[in-house]
Amino acid sequence: MILFKAIGGGAVLAHWYLRAAMFAVVFPLVLAVSPVRAQSTDDTTPREIDDCGVLVRGADCVLFEGGGGSWYIPDYGNFRVGDAVRVVGTADPTCITICRDADGCVRGAVLYDPAVYPCGTAIPSLDDLGGAVVDSICTAASGALGTTALVGMFVTRSRRYNSPAAPR
């Protein structure tokens, strides 16, 4: 303490240096001694779902039973309770829902008839066509627009230069 008084106003500064030194020594020791926490193994993270099941009447709403639980689906389209369905979406066990007996909800759920698209089979999309249909439509549309533009320029140009009232 006598050293700090001799310096004068540096006592406050020395106090902060002492705190920083303690932190630099103690903090790594605490980290080294403390037990390492393992990652959580609970099943509360959202996961992709593509499962078949049945729509059932819950206590407060219609639920999809399949995919390892009872899931709330906000929009089940033209399907009714008792129908077998294939659900594709993201199962979120932490979502807040009005259904007391739901294990969570399926976000972005798309329901399919399993008689048309059985479980385990790929659902066809435009990507499966290799973009051939989209490319053909775009090529035809660009050709039609280009032709329309050329015809429009030709028609307006010929009127302007061939009219008798046009100045020369």
Protein backbone atom coordinates (compact mmCIF):
# COMPACT_ATOMS: atom_id res chain seq x y z
CA MET A 1 0.00 0.00 0.00
CA ILE A 2 2.93 2.33 0.62
CA LEU A 3 4.03 1.89 -3.02
CA PHE A 4 0.63 3.00 -4.26
CA LYS A 5 0.60 6.08 -2.00
CA ALA A 6 4.04 7.10 -3.24
CA ILE A 7 2.81 7.13 -6.82
CA GLY A 8 0.00 9.42 -5.83
CA GLY A 9 -3.07 9.31 -8.10
CA GLY A 10 -2.02 5.96 -9.58
CA ALA A 11 -3.62 4.00 -6.73
CA VAL A 12 -6.91 3.69 -8.65
CA LEU A 13 -5.07 2.61 -11.79
CA ALA A 14 -3.03 0.02 -9.85
CA HIS A 15 -6.27 -1.31 -8.36
CA TRP A 16 -7.65 -2.01 -11.85
CA TYR A 17 -4.38 -3.66 -12.92
CA LEU A 18 -4.63 -5.94 -9.88
CA ARG A 19 -8.21 -6.88 -10.77
CA ALA A 20 -7.26 -7.59 -14.39
CA ALA A 21 -4.37 -9.80 -13.27
CA MET A 22 -6.64 -11.75 -10.92
CA PHE A 23 -9.18 -12.23 -13.67
CA ALA A 24 -6.49 -13.40 -16.10
CA VAL A 25 -5.29 -16.03 -13.62
CA VAL A 26 -8.53 -17.13 -11.95
CA PHE A 27 -10.85 -17.29 -14.99
CA PRO A 28 -8.83 -19.93 -16.92
CA LEU A 29 -8.56 -22.01 -13.72
CA VAL A 30 -12.32 -21.91 -13.23
CA LEU A 31 -12.86 -23.00 -16.82
CA ALA A 32 -10.34 -25.82 -16.47
CA VAL A 33 -11.85 -27.15 -13.24
CA SER A 34 -15.54 -26.78 -14.10
CA PRO A 35 -17.19 -29.84 -15.63
CA VAL A 36 -17.76 -29.68 -19.37
CA ARG A 37 -21.46 -29.61 -20.18
CA ALA A 38 -22.54 -32.18 -22.70
CA GLN A 39 -24.85 -31.13 -25.49
CA SER A 40 -28.50 -31.49 -24.71
CA THR A 41 -29.93 -34.84 -25.75
CA ASP A 42 -33.56 -33.85 -25.34
CA ASP A 43 -35.67 -33.91 -28.46
CA THR A 44 -36.75 -30.27 -28.57
CA THR A 45 -35.05 -29.21 -31.77
CA PRO A 46 -37.19 -28.92 -34.91
CA ARG A 47 -36.65 -31.73 -37.41
CA GLU A 48 -37.80 -32.55 -40.91
CA ILE A 49 -40.72 -34.95 -41.06
CA ASP A 50 -42.01 -37.08 -43.94
CA ASP A 51 -44.30 -39.67 -42.42
CA CYS A 52 -47.63 -41.38 -42.91
CA GLY A 53 -50.29 -41.46 -40.24
CA VAL A 54 -53.91 -40.68 -39.47
CA LEU A 55 -55.79 -37.49 -38.65
CA VAL A 56 -57.46 -37.87 -35.23
CA ARG A 57 -59.69 -35.67 -33.10
CA GLY A 58 -57.77 -34.35 -30.10
CA ALA A 59 -59.28 -32.66 -27.06
CA ASP A 60 -59.13 -29.21 -28.69
CA CYS A 61 -58.17 -29.74 -32.33
CA VAL A 62 -57.36 -32.14 -35.14
CA LEU A 63 -54.00 -33.90 -34.76
CA PHE A 64 -51.75 -35.94 -37.03
CA GLU A 65 -50.76 -39.19 -35.33
CA GLY A 66 -47.54 -40.36 -36.88
CA GLY A 67 -43.92 -39.40 -37.00
CA GLY A 68 -43.39 -40.46 -33.41
CA GLY A 69 -46.15 -38.42 -31.79
CA SER A 70 -49.34 -36.44 -32.08
CA TRP A 71 -48.72 -33.23 -34.03
CA TYR A 72 -50.94 -30.21 -34.53
CA ILE A 73 -51.38 -29.22 -38.18
CA PRO A 74 -53.13 -25.86 -38.63
CA ASP A 75 -54.42 -26.56 -42.14
CA TYR A 76 -55.31 -30.08 -43.17
CA GLY A 77 -57.01 -29.07 -46.44
CA ASN A 78 -59.76 -31.36 -47.73
CA PHE A 79 -58.79 -34.24 -45.46
CA ARG A 80 -61.02 -35.20 -42.54
CA VAL A 81 -60.62 -36.95 -39.19
CA GLY A 82 -59.90 -40.63 -39.80
CA ASP A 83 -58.18 -40.08 -43.17
CA ALA A 84 -54.76 -41.60 -43.77
CA VAL A 85 -52.32 -38.87 -44.80
CA ARG A 86 -48.67 -38.36 -45.63
CA VAL A 87 -47.25 -35.25 -43.96
CA VAL A 88 -44.13 -33.43 -45.11
CA GLY A 89 -42.86 -30.45 -43.10
CA THR A 90 -40.87 -29.47 -40.01
CA ALA A 91 -41.91 -31.02 -36.69
CA ASP A 92 -41.40 -28.46 -33.92
CA PRO A 93 -41.91 -29.80 -30.38
CA THR A 94 -41.49 -26.32 -28.86
CA CYS A 95 -44.24 -24.52 -30.77
CA ILE A 96 -47.09 -22.98 -28.81
CA THR A 97 -50.47 -24.38 -29.73
CA ILE A 98 -54.02 -24.47 -28.38
CA CYS A 99 -53.99 -28.28 -28.40
CA ARG A 100 -53.41 -29.68 -24.92
CA ASP A 101 -52.59 -33.18 -26.13
CA ALA A 102 -50.22 -32.24 -28.99
CA ASP A 103 -46.53 -33.08 -28.85
CA GLY A 104 -45.87 -29.99 -30.98
CA CYS A 105 -46.82 -28.78 -34.42
CA VAL A 106 -45.71 -29.36 -37.98
CA ARG A 107 -44.64 -26.09 -39.57
CA GLY A 108 -45.08 -25.74 -43.32
CA ALA A 109 -47.02 -29.00 -43.41
CA VAL A 110 -48.09 -30.31 -46.79
CA LEU A 111 -50.50 -33.24 -46.72
CA TYR A 112 -50.64 -35.89 -49.43
CA ASP A 113 -52.85 -38.88 -50.04
CA PRO A 114 -50.69 -41.95 -49.29
CA ALA A 115 -52.58 -43.89 -51.97
CA VAL A 116 -51.18 -41.45 -54.56
CA TYR A 117 -47.79 -40.72 -52.92
CA PRO A 118 -46.96 -43.68 -50.63
CA CYS A 119 -44.55 -43.19 -47.75
CA GLY A 120 -40.95 -43.72 -48.67
CA THR A 121 -41.40 -42.65 -52.29
CA ALA A 122 -40.17 -39.38 -53.74
CA ILE A 123 -42.70 -36.65 -54.33
CA PRO A 124 -42.30 -35.36 -57.90
CA SER A 125 -41.42 -31.71 -58.37
CA LEU A 126 -40.40 -29.38 -61.19
CA ASP A 127 -36.77 -30.01 -60.24
CA ASP A 128 -37.24 -33.69 -61.11
CA LEU A 129 -38.01 -32.72 -64.70
CA GLY A 130 -34.54 -31.26 -64.99
CA GLY A 131 -35.98 -27.82 -65.66
CA ALA A 132 -36.93 -28.89 -69.22
CA VAL A 133 -40.51 -27.63 -68.95
CA VAL A 134 -39.50 -24.33 -67.38
CA ASP A 135 -36.72 -23.83 -69.93
CA SER A 136 -39.10 -24.52 -72.81
CA ILE A 137 -41.67 -22.07 -71.51
CA CYS A 138 -39.04 -19.37 -70.97
CA THR A 139 -37.56 -19.90 -74.43
CA ALA A 140 -40.97 -19.70 -76.10
CA ALA A 141 -41.94 -16.60 -74.12
CA SER A 142 -38.68 -14.78 -74.91
CA GLY A 143 -39.04 -15.62 -78.61
CA ALA A 144 -42.60 -14.34 -78.67
CA LEU A 145 -41.67 -11.12 -76.87
CA GLY A 146 -38.70 -10.52 -79.16
CA THR A 147 -40.82 -11.06 -82.26
CA THR A 148 -43.52 -8.72 -80.94
CA ALA A 149 -40.94 -6.02 -80.29
CA LEU A 150 -39.48 -6.33 -83.81
CA VAL A 151 -42.91 -6.23 -85.46
CA GLY A 152 -43.82 -3.19 -83.38
CA MET A 153 -40.65 -1.36 -84.43
CA PHE A 154 -41.21 -2.24 -88.10
CA VAL A 155 -44.84 -1.09 -88.10
CA THR A 156 -44.12 2.26 -86.41
CA ARG A 157 -41.07 2.93 -88.56
CA SER A 158 -42.85 2.27 -91.84
CA ARG A 159 -45.74 4.59 -90.89
CA ARG A 160 -43.48 7.45 -89.95
CA TYR A 161 -41.35 7.48 -93.12
CA ASN A 162 -44.03 6.52 -95.65
CA SER A 163 -46.69 9.01 -94.61
CA PRO A 164 -47.27 11.89 -97.09
CA ALA A 165 -47.23 14.54 -94.36
CA ALA A 166 -43.77 13.60 -93.10
CA PRO A 167 -41.22 16.43 -93.60
CA ARG A 168 -38.16 15.70 -95.75
